[in-house]
């Protein structure tokens, strides 16, 4: 281990000792930045409302709060370096919930499926390439989870078409899709939406985000096929979109065999 990494881990441990039981709404920005996580204190407010850019933690926390009494676990597809997964796990721990949090990611970056998204065009993004978002590792995320005693989190390595089916028996109350490209959104929507509990929410991070037209294509296809409504939410000038499970649950929910 490099001296720099060792010093960072020592700083994580010292900070965790004093902050891990404090409400995440009260964490200072310097601590959020140290752990490389998104919290209200280090959120950048857009001057004009826009769907561009990464996940907004206030959107995530507000929607999770709406789902706290709904049965089912929590999932994030597209963990990357854990900037929202860790925050989500802290929230679950601090409200005293027994829900488990699953983090699905290849931890290898994009595979060849990203080529289809390149053909769709969209605004330039340096990560939109084979291996994009590959500057991470499972161990990097797991280390911070361990230091913060977030033992209710399970990281699941692998590409979604293989990793999701390992937990086919699970139901979810909240799912955060932050997976960028068409194939990932198509797979996650069709596998996880039927496993949402009634009233559960699926947040779509890249919908209408200019570099990621594959997300819009996959979501729009899904909306048309299943007659599901798309809901907007705005926090801090960040516009995001989500789905809420309702009547479709009676048609294609886990009780009705979603693998059929």
C-alpha atoms as a PDB file:
ATOM      1  CA  UNK A   1       0.000   0.000   0.000  1.00  0.00           C
ATOM      2  CA  UNK A   2       1.323   3.438  -0.932  1.00  0.00           C
ATOM      3  CA  UNK A   3       2.017   6.014   1.787  1.00  0.00           C
ATOM      4  CA  UNK A   4      -0.657   8.257   0.290  1.00  0.00           C
ATOM      5  CA  UNK A   5      -3.288   5.503   0.435  1.00  0.00           C
ATOM      6  CA  UNK A   6      -2.285   4.627   3.988  1.00  0.00           C
ATOM      7  CA  UNK A   7      -2.649   8.238   5.117  1.00  0.00           C
ATOM      8  CA  UNK A   8      -6.050   8.454   3.450  1.00  0.00           C
ATOM      9  CA  UNK A   9      -7.279   5.319   5.214  1.00  0.00           C
ATOM     10  CA  UNK A  10      -6.061   6.684   8.540  1.00  0.00           C
ATOM     11  CA  UNK A  11      -7.982   9.891   7.837  1.00  0.00           C
ATOM     12  CA  UNK A  12     -11.103   7.867   6.959  1.00  0.00           C
ATOM     13  CA  UNK A  13     -10.877   5.940  10.219  1.00  0.00           C
ATOM     14  CA  UNK A  14     -10.355   9.043  12.349  1.00  0.00           C
ATOM     15  CA  UNK A  15     -13.247  10.853  10.684  1.00  0.00           C
ATOM     16  CA  UNK A  16     -15.560   7.839  10.838  1.00  0.00           C
ATOM     17  CA  UNK A  17     -15.002   7.527  14.577  1.00  0.00           C
ATOM     18  CA  UNK A  18     -16.525  10.956  15.140  1.00  0.00           C
ATOM     19  CA  UNK A  19     -19.087  11.190  12.333  1.00  0.00           C
ATOM     20  CA  UNK A  20     -20.495   7.789  11.404  1.00  0.00           C
ATOM     21  CA  UNK A  21     -23.345   8.039  13.923  1.00  0.00           C
ATOM     22  CA  UNK A  22     -24.107  11.678  13.082  1.00  0.00           C
ATOM     23  CA  UNK A  23     -27.068  12.390  10.825  1.00  0.00           C
ATOM     24  CA  UNK A  24     -25.727  12.619   7.278  1.00  0.00           C
ATOM     25  CA  UNK A  25     -27.606  15.890   6.835  1.00  0.00           C
ATOM     26  CA  UNK A  26     -25.169  17.325   9.374  1.00  0.00           C
ATOM     27  CA  UNK A  27     -21.925  16.000   7.880  1.00  0.00           C
ATOM     28  CA  UNK A  28     -19.602  18.860   6.842  1.00  0.00           C
ATOM     29  CA  UNK A  29     -18.581  19.166   3.220  1.00  0.00           C
ATOM     30  CA  UNK A  30     -14.920  18.436   3.985  1.00  0.00           C
ATOM     31  CA  UNK A  31     -15.872  15.022   5.429  1.00  0.00           C
ATOM     32  CA  UNK A  32     -18.072  14.173   2.458  1.00  0.00           C
ATOM     33  CA  UNK A  33     -15.229  15.098   0.125  1.00  0.00           C
ATOM     34  CA  UNK A  34     -12.729  13.076   2.153  1.00  0.00           C
ATOM     35  CA  UNK A  35     -14.868   9.945   1.749  1.00  0.00           C
ATOM     36  CA  UNK A  36     -15.614  10.870  -1.895  1.00  0.00           C
ATOM     37  CA  UNK A  37     -19.357  10.675  -1.304  1.00  0.00           C
ATOM     38  CA  UNK A  38     -22.259  12.948  -2.193  1.00  0.00           C
ATOM     39  CA  UNK A  39     -24.076  14.580   0.715  1.00  0.00           C
ATOM     40  CA  UNK A  40     -26.236  17.698   1.038  1.00  0.00           C
ATOM     41  CA  UNK A  41     -23.277  19.685   2.368  1.00  0.00           C
ATOM     42  CA  UNK A  42     -21.174  19.298  -0.794  1.00  0.00           C
ATOM     43  CA  UNK A  43     -24.010  19.479  -3.324  1.00  0.00           C
ATOM     44  CA  UNK A  44     -23.498  22.030  -6.100  1.00  0.00           C
ATOM     45  CA  UNK A  45     -26.681  23.977  -6.891  1.00  0.00           C
ATOM     46  CA  UNK A  46     -27.409  24.670 -10.564  1.00  0.00           C
ATOM     47  CA  UNK A  47     -28.254  28.263 -11.412  1.00  0.00           C
ATOM     48  CA  UNK A  48     -30.676  27.008 -14.071  1.00  0.00           C
ATOM     49  CA  UNK A  49     -32.689  23.791 -13.843  1.00  0.00           C
ATOM     50  CA  UNK A  50     -31.028  21.097 -15.932  1.00  0.00           C
ATOM     51  CA  UNK A  51     -30.992  17.326 -16.436  1.00  0.00           C
ATOM     52  CA  UNK A  52     -27.266  17.395 -17.194  1.00  0.00           C
ATOM     53  CA  UNK A  53     -24.695  16.012 -14.820  1.00  0.00           C
ATOM     54  CA  UNK A  54     -24.387  13.331 -12.189  1.00  0.00           C
ATOM     55  CA  UNK A  55     -26.666  12.115  -9.430  1.00  0.00           C
ATOM     56  CA  UNK A  56     -28.158  14.567  -6.935  1.00  0.00           C
ATOM     57  CA  UNK A  57     -28.124  13.179  -3.404  1.00  0.00           C
ATOM     58  CA  UNK A  58     -31.080  15.274  -2.242  1.00  0.00           C
ATOM     59  CA  UNK A  59     -33.225  13.714  -4.961  1.00  0.00           C
ATOM     60  CA  UNK A  60     -32.073  10.257  -3.844  1.00  0.00           C
ATOM     61  CA  UNK A  61     -32.634  10.857  -0.129  1.00  0.00           C
ATOM     62  CA  UNK A  62     -36.061  12.442  -0.632  1.00  0.00           C
ATOM     63  CA  UNK A  63     -37.260   9.512  -2.743  1.00  0.00           C
ATOM     64  CA  UNK A  64     -35.767   6.983  -0.334  1.00  0.00           C
ATOM     65  CA  UNK A  65     -37.613   8.717   2.471  1.00  0.00           C
ATOM     66  CA  UNK A  66     -40.863   8.248   0.542  1.00  0.00           C
ATOM     67  CA  UNK A  67     -40.094   4.522   0.336  1.00  0.00           C
ATOM     68  CA  UNK A  68     -38.959   3.892   3.911  1.00  0.00           C
ATOM     69  CA  UNK A  69     -42.211   2.204   4.959  1.00  0.00           C
ATOM     70  CA  UNK A  70     -42.504   0.170   1.746  1.00  0.00           C
ATOM     71  CA  UNK A  71     -41.257  -3.433   2.043  1.00  0.00           C
ATOM     72  CA  UNK A  72     -38.237  -4.450   0.030  1.00  0.00           C
ATOM     73  CA  UNK A  73     -34.503  -3.875  -0.152  1.00  0.00           C
ATOM     74  CA  UNK A  74     -32.495  -1.078  -1.800  1.00  0.00           C
ATOM     75  CA  UNK A  75     -30.402  -1.438  -4.963  1.00  0.00           C
ATOM     76  CA  UNK A  76     -28.061   0.704  -7.014  1.00  0.00           C
ATOM     77  CA  UNK A  77     -26.994  -0.307 -10.495  1.00  0.00           C
ATOM     78  CA  UNK A  78     -23.843   1.570 -11.428  1.00  0.00           C
ATOM     79  CA  UNK A  79     -21.896   1.973  -8.198  1.00  0.00           C
ATOM     80  CA  UNK A  80     -18.693   3.269  -9.796  1.00  0.00           C
ATOM     81  CA  UNK A  81     -16.657   4.646  -6.831  1.00  0.00           C
ATOM     82  CA  UNK A  82     -19.525   4.514  -4.335  1.00  0.00           C
ATOM     83  CA  UNK A  83     -20.313   8.224  -4.120  1.00  0.00           C
ATOM     84  CA  UNK A  84     -24.063   7.657  -3.786  1.00  0.00           C
ATOM     85  CA  UNK A  85     -24.188   4.028  -2.636  1.00  0.00           C
ATOM     86  CA  UNK A  86     -22.331   4.830   0.595  1.00  0.00           C
ATOM     87  CA  UNK A  87     -24.609   7.801   1.277  1.00  0.00           C
ATOM     88  CA  UNK A  88     -27.672   5.626   0.654  1.00  0.00           C
ATOM     89  CA  UNK A  89     -26.320   3.015   3.057  1.00  0.00           C
ATOM     90  CA  UNK A  90     -25.655   5.638   5.743  1.00  0.00           C
ATOM     91  CA  UNK A  91     -29.249   6.843   5.409  1.00  0.00           C
ATOM     92  CA  UNK A  92     -30.639   3.298   5.754  1.00  0.00           C
ATOM     93  CA  UNK A  93     -28.488   2.700   8.835  1.00  0.00           C
ATOM     94  CA  UNK A  94     -29.383   5.996  10.468  1.00  0.00           C
ATOM     95  CA  UNK A  95     -33.159   5.560  10.172  1.00  0.00           C
ATOM     96  CA  UNK A  96     -32.820   2.168  11.867  1.00  0.00           C
ATOM     97  CA  UNK A  97     -34.039   0.211   8.848  1.00  0.00           C
ATOM     98  CA  UNK A  98     -33.339  -3.499   8.456  1.00  0.00           C
ATOM     99  CA  UNK A  99     -33.315  -3.238   4.667  1.00  0.00           C
ATOM    100  CA  UNK A 100     -30.313  -4.588   2.814  1.00  0.00           C
ATOM    101  CA  UNK A 101     -28.523  -2.432   0.237  1.00  0.00           C
ATOM    102  CA  UNK A 102     -27.188  -4.063  -2.935  1.00  0.00           C
ATOM    103  CA  UNK A 103     -24.590  -2.400  -5.125  1.00  0.00           C
ATOM    104  CA  UNK A 104     -24.342  -3.871  -8.640  1.00  0.00           C
ATOM    105  CA  UNK A 105     -21.376  -2.955 -10.839  1.00  0.00           C
ATOM    106  CA  UNK A 106     -18.805  -4.635 -13.073  1.00  0.00           C
ATOM    107  CA  UNK A 107     -16.073  -2.552 -11.379  1.00  0.00           C
ATOM    108  CA  UNK A 108     -14.359  -2.835 -14.780  1.00  0.00           C
ATOM    109  CA  UNK A 109     -15.953   0.014 -16.699  1.00  0.00           C
ATOM    110  CA  UNK A 110     -17.983  -0.317 -19.906  1.00  0.00           C
ATOM    111  CA  UNK A 111     -17.694  -3.380 -22.113  1.00  0.00           C
ATOM    112  CA  UNK A 112     -18.344  -3.524 -25.878  1.00  0.00           C
ATOM    113  CA  UNK A 113     -22.022  -2.601 -25.440  1.00  0.00           C
ATOM    114  CA  UNK A 114     -21.000   1.054 -25.224  1.00  0.00           C
ATOM    115  CA  UNK A 115     -20.299   0.991 -28.971  1.00  0.00           C
ATOM    116  CA  UNK A 116     -24.048   1.055 -29.676  1.00  0.00           C
ATOM    117  CA  UNK A 117     -24.368   4.221 -27.584  1.00  0.00           C
ATOM    118  CA  UNK A 118     -21.541   5.879 -29.436  1.00  0.00           C
ATOM    119  CA  UNK A 119     -23.522   5.282 -32.632  1.00  0.00           C
ATOM    120  CA  UNK A 120     -26.534   7.029 -31.069  1.00  0.00           C
ATOM    121  CA  UNK A 121     -24.580  10.279 -30.814  1.00  0.00           C
ATOM    122  CA  UNK A 122     -25.251  12.646 -27.967  1.00  0.00           C
ATOM    123  CA  UNK A 123     -23.005  15.161 -26.274  1.00  0.00           C
ATOM    124  CA  UNK A 124     -19.354  14.219 -25.824  1.00  0.00           C
ATOM    125  CA  UNK A 125     -18.365  12.599 -22.546  1.00  0.00           C
ATOM    126  CA  UNK A 126     -14.822  11.346 -21.991  1.00  0.00           C
ATOM    127  CA  UNK A 127     -16.148   8.286 -20.152  1.00  0.00           C
ATOM    128  CA  UNK A 128     -18.294   7.149 -23.080  1.00  0.00           C
ATOM    129  CA  UNK A 129     -15.837   4.568 -24.388  1.00  0.00           C
ATOM    130  CA  UNK A 130     -14.836   0.977 -23.774  1.00  0.00           C
ATOM    131  CA  UNK A 131     -13.405   0.885 -20.261  1.00  0.00           C
ATOM    132  CA  UNK A 132     -15.060   4.177 -19.319  1.00  0.00           C
ATOM    133  CA  UNK A 133     -15.720   4.522 -15.572  1.00  0.00           C
ATOM    134  CA  UNK A 134     -13.122   1.801 -15.030  1.00  0.00           C
ATOM    135  CA  UNK A 135     -11.025   3.847 -12.596  1.00  0.00           C
ATOM    136  CA  UNK A 136     -12.510   2.087  -9.587  1.00  0.00           C
ATOM    137  CA  UNK A 137     -12.424  -1.254  -7.814  1.00  0.00           C
ATOM    138  CA  UNK A 138     -14.631  -3.294  -5.558  1.00  0.00           C
ATOM    139  CA  UNK A 139     -12.016  -3.090  -2.792  1.00  0.00           C
ATOM    140  CA  UNK A 140     -11.967   0.728  -2.945  1.00  0.00           C
ATOM    141  CA  UNK A 141     -15.700   0.853  -2.266  1.00  0.00           C
ATOM    142  CA  UNK A 142     -15.663  -1.992   0.255  1.00  0.00           C
ATOM    143  CA  UNK A 143     -12.913  -0.394   2.355  1.00  0.00           C
ATOM    144  CA  UNK A 144     -15.023   2.694   3.092  1.00  0.00           C
ATOM    145  CA  UNK A 145     -18.103   0.575   3.764  1.00  0.00           C
ATOM    146  CA  UNK A 146     -16.096  -1.404   6.319  1.00  0.00           C
ATOM    147  CA  UNK A 147     -14.658   1.680   8.004  1.00  0.00           C
ATOM    148  CA  UNK A 148     -18.155   3.138   8.367  1.00  0.00           C
ATOM    149  CA  UNK A 149     -19.537  -0.201   9.696  1.00  0.00           C
ATOM    150  CA  UNK A 150     -22.052  -0.443   6.870  1.00  0.00           C
ATOM    151  CA  UNK A 151     -22.478  -4.181   7.174  1.00  0.00           C
ATOM    152  CA  UNK A 152     -25.918  -4.210   5.562  1.00  0.00           C
ATOM    153  CA  UNK A 153     -24.408  -3.534   2.113  1.00  0.00           C
ATOM    154  CA  UNK A 154     -23.536  -6.248  -0.382  1.00  0.00           C
ATOM    155  CA  UNK A 155     -21.450  -5.417  -3.437  1.00  0.00           C
ATOM    156  CA  UNK A 156     -22.213  -7.616  -6.435  1.00  0.00           C
ATOM    157  CA  UNK A 157     -19.519  -7.710  -9.128  1.00  0.00           C
ATOM    158  CA  UNK A 158     -20.266  -8.483 -12.746  1.00  0.00           C
ATOM    159  CA  UNK A 159     -22.241  -7.199 -15.696  1.00  0.00           C
ATOM    160  CA  UNK A 160     -25.953  -6.800 -15.064  1.00  0.00           C
ATOM    161  CA  UNK A 161     -27.210  -9.574 -17.324  1.00  0.00           C
ATOM    162  CA  UNK A 162     -25.434 -12.075 -15.051  1.00  0.00           C
ATOM    163  CA  UNK A 163     -25.255 -10.369 -11.647  1.00  0.00           C
ATOM    164  CA  UNK A 164     -28.917  -9.395 -11.231  1.00  0.00           C
ATOM    165  CA  UNK A 165     -30.193 -12.941 -11.589  1.00  0.00           C
ATOM    166  CA  UNK A 166     -28.207 -14.013  -8.509  1.00  0.00           C
ATOM    167  CA  UNK A 167     -30.874 -12.277  -6.412  1.00  0.00           C
ATOM    168  CA  UNK A 168     -34.007 -13.136  -8.349  1.00  0.00           C
ATOM    169  CA  UNK A 169     -35.964 -13.775  -5.139  1.00  0.00           C
ATOM    170  CA  UNK A 170     -35.474 -10.229  -3.804  1.00  0.00           C
ATOM    171  CA  UNK A 171     -38.036  -7.464  -3.817  1.00  0.00           C
ATOM    172  CA  UNK A 172     -37.028  -3.811  -3.755  1.00  0.00           C
ATOM    173  CA  UNK A 173     -38.560  -0.632  -2.393  1.00  0.00           C
ATOM    174  CA  UNK A 174     -36.070   1.747  -4.051  1.00  0.00           C
ATOM    175  CA  UNK A 175     -33.736   1.259  -7.006  1.00  0.00           C
ATOM    176  CA  UNK A 176     -31.255   3.833  -8.302  1.00  0.00           C
ATOM    177  CA  UNK A 177     -30.239   3.259 -11.926  1.00  0.00           C
ATOM    178  CA  UNK A 178     -27.017   5.111 -12.689  1.00  0.00           C
ATOM    179  CA  UNK A 179     -25.841   2.885 -15.515  1.00  0.00           C
ATOM    180  CA  UNK A 180     -25.595   5.278 -18.482  1.00  0.00           C
ATOM    181  CA  UNK A 181     -25.941   3.144 -21.598  1.00  0.00           C
ATOM    182  CA  UNK A 182     -28.809   1.524 -23.499  1.00  0.00           C
ATOM    183  CA  UNK A 183     -28.019  -2.123 -22.814  1.00  0.00           C
ATOM    184  CA  UNK A 184     -27.593  -1.553 -19.072  1.00  0.00           C
ATOM    185  CA  UNK A 185     -30.828   0.409 -18.751  1.00  0.00           C
ATOM    186  CA  UNK A 186     -32.721  -2.119 -20.863  1.00  0.00           C
ATOM    187  CA  UNK A 187     -31.503  -5.018 -18.712  1.00  0.00           C
ATOM    188  CA  UNK A 188     -32.070  -3.295 -15.357  1.00  0.00           C
ATOM    189  CA  UNK A 189     -35.513  -1.925 -16.206  1.00  0.00           C
ATOM    190  CA  UNK A 190     -36.847  -5.252 -17.397  1.00  0.00           C
ATOM    191  CA  UNK A 191     -35.341  -7.259 -14.561  1.00  0.00           C
ATOM    192  CA  UNK A 192     -35.807  -4.959 -11.575  1.00  0.00           C
ATOM    193  CA  UNK A 193     -39.052  -3.091 -12.233  1.00  0.00           C
ATOM    194  CA  UNK A 194     -41.138  -6.277 -11.855  1.00  0.00           C
ATOM    195  CA  UNK A 195     -39.387  -6.790  -8.529  1.00  0.00           C
ATOM    196  CA  UNK A 196     -40.365  -3.397  -7.115  1.00  0.00           C
ATOM    197  CA  UNK A 197     -42.904  -3.554  -4.316  1.00  0.00           C
ATOM    198  CA  UNK A 198     -46.157  -1.664  -4.828  1.00  0.00           C
ATOM    199  CA  UNK A 199     -45.384   2.034  -4.369  1.00  0.00           C
ATOM    200  CA  UNK A 200     -41.669   1.405  -4.849  1.00  0.00           C
ATOM    201  CA  UNK A 201     -39.554   3.848  -6.845  1.00  0.00           C
ATOM    202  CA  UNK A 202     -36.941   3.454  -9.590  1.00  0.00           C
ATOM    203  CA  UNK A 203     -34.801   6.558 -10.145  1.00  0.00           C
ATOM    204  CA  UNK A 204     -33.305   7.054 -13.625  1.00  0.00           C
ATOM    205  CA  UNK A 205     -30.154   9.112 -13.344  1.00  0.00           C
ATOM    206  CA  UNK A 206     -29.291   9.732 -17.008  1.00  0.00           C
ATOM    207  CA  UNK A 207     -32.731  10.355 -18.490  1.00  0.00           C
ATOM    208  CA  UNK A 208     -32.545  13.527 -20.635  1.00  0.00           C
ATOM    209  CA  UNK A 209     -28.826  13.887 -19.835  1.00  0.00           C
ATOM    210  CA  UNK A 210     -27.345  14.935 -23.226  1.00  0.00           C
ATOM    211  CA  UNK A 211     -24.372  12.513 -23.370  1.00  0.00           C
ATOM    212  CA  UNK A 212     -26.536   9.430 -22.742  1.00  0.00           C
ATOM    213  CA  UNK A 213     -29.317   9.082 -25.366  1.00  0.00           C
ATOM    214  CA  UNK A 214     -29.233   5.302 -24.845  1.00  0.00           C
ATOM    215  CA  UNK A 215     -30.902   5.808 -21.494  1.00  0.00           C
ATOM    216  CA  UNK A 216     -33.790   7.726 -23.091  1.00  0.00           C
ATOM    217  CA  UNK A 217     -34.166   5.075 -25.786  1.00  0.00           C
ATOM    218  CA  UNK A 218     -34.347   2.199 -23.295  1.00  0.00           C
ATOM    219  CA  UNK A 219     -36.676   4.050 -20.916  1.00  0.00           C
ATOM    220  CA  UNK A 220     -39.008   5.269 -23.680  1.00  0.00           C
ATOM    221  CA  UNK A 221     -39.281   1.741 -25.071  1.00  0.00           C
ATOM    222  CA  UNK A 222     -40.126   0.469 -21.592  1.00  0.00           C
ATOM    223  CA  UNK A 223     -42.723   3.176 -20.968  1.00  0.00           C
ATOM    224  CA  UNK A 224     -44.440   2.397 -24.263  1.00  0.00           C
ATOM    225  CA  UNK A 225     -44.446  -1.356 -23.740  1.00  0.00           C
ATOM    226  CA  UNK A 226     -45.739  -1.284 -20.161  1.00  0.00           C
ATOM    227  CA  UNK A 227     -47.778   1.965 -19.998  1.00  0.00           C
ATOM    228  CA  UNK A 228     -45.778   3.235 -17.037  1.00  0.00           C
ATOM    229  CA  UNK A 229     -45.713   6.954 -16.144  1.00  0.00           C
ATOM    230  CA  UNK A 230     -42.511   8.972 -15.915  1.00  0.00           C
ATOM    231  CA  UNK A 231     -42.328  11.477 -13.036  1.00  0.00           C
ATOM    232  CA  UNK A 232     -39.985  14.497 -12.807  1.00  0.00           C
ATOM    233  CA  UNK A 233     -38.349  15.690  -9.601  1.00  0.00           C
ATOM    234  CA  UNK A 234     -36.191  18.801  -9.135  1.00  0.00           C
ATOM    235  CA  UNK A 235     -33.796  19.527  -6.278  1.00  0.00           C
ATOM    236  CA  UNK A 236     -30.997  22.129  -6.272  1.00  0.00           C
ATOM    237  CA  UNK A 237     -31.641  22.876  -9.942  1.00  0.00           C
ATOM    238  CA  UNK A 238     -31.071  19.206 -10.861  1.00  0.00           C
ATOM    239  CA  UNK A 239     -33.979  17.656 -12.787  1.00  0.00           C
ATOM    240  CA  UNK A 240     -34.245  13.872 -12.561  1.00  0.00           C
ATOM    241  CA  UNK A 241     -36.949  11.352 -13.480  1.00  0.00           C
ATOM    242  CA  UNK A 242     -38.339   8.280 -11.782  1.00  0.00           C
ATOM    243  CA  UNK A 243     -40.900   5.490 -12.089  1.00  0.00           C
ATOM    244  CA  UNK A 244     -43.271   4.459  -9.321  1.00  0.00           C
ATOM    245  CA  UNK A 245     -44.615   0.916  -9.210  1.00  0.00           C
ATOM    246  CA  UNK A 246     -48.404   0.773  -9.098  1.00  0.00           C
ATOM    247  CA  UNK A 247     -50.991  -1.120 -11.142  1.00  0.00           C
ATOM    248  CA  UNK A 248     -48.405  -2.978 -13.250  1.00  0.00           C
ATOM    249  CA  UNK A 249     -47.450  -4.870 -10.090  1.00  0.00           C
ATOM    250  CA  UNK A 250     -50.716  -6.820 -10.325  1.00  0.00           C
ATOM    251  CA  UNK A 251     -49.882  -7.926 -13.846  1.00  0.00           C
ATOM    252  CA  UNK A 252     -46.172  -8.745 -13.748  1.00  0.00           C
ATOM    253  CA  UNK A 253     -44.983  -8.605 -10.138  1.00  0.00           C
ATOM    254  CA  UNK A 254     -42.869 -11.269  -8.414  1.00  0.00           C
ATOM    255  CA  UNK A 255     -46.085 -12.977  -7.312  1.00  0.00           C
ATOM    256  CA  UNK A 256     -46.892 -13.423 -10.994  1.00  0.00           C
ATOM    257  CA  UNK A 257     -43.466 -14.921 -11.822  1.00  0.00           C
ATOM    258  CA  UNK A 258     -41.373 -12.102 -13.365  1.00  0.00           C
ATOM    259  CA  UNK A 259     -39.104 -14.657 -15.086  1.00  0.00           C
ATOM    260  CA  UNK A 260     -41.983 -16.108 -17.065  1.00  0.00           C
END
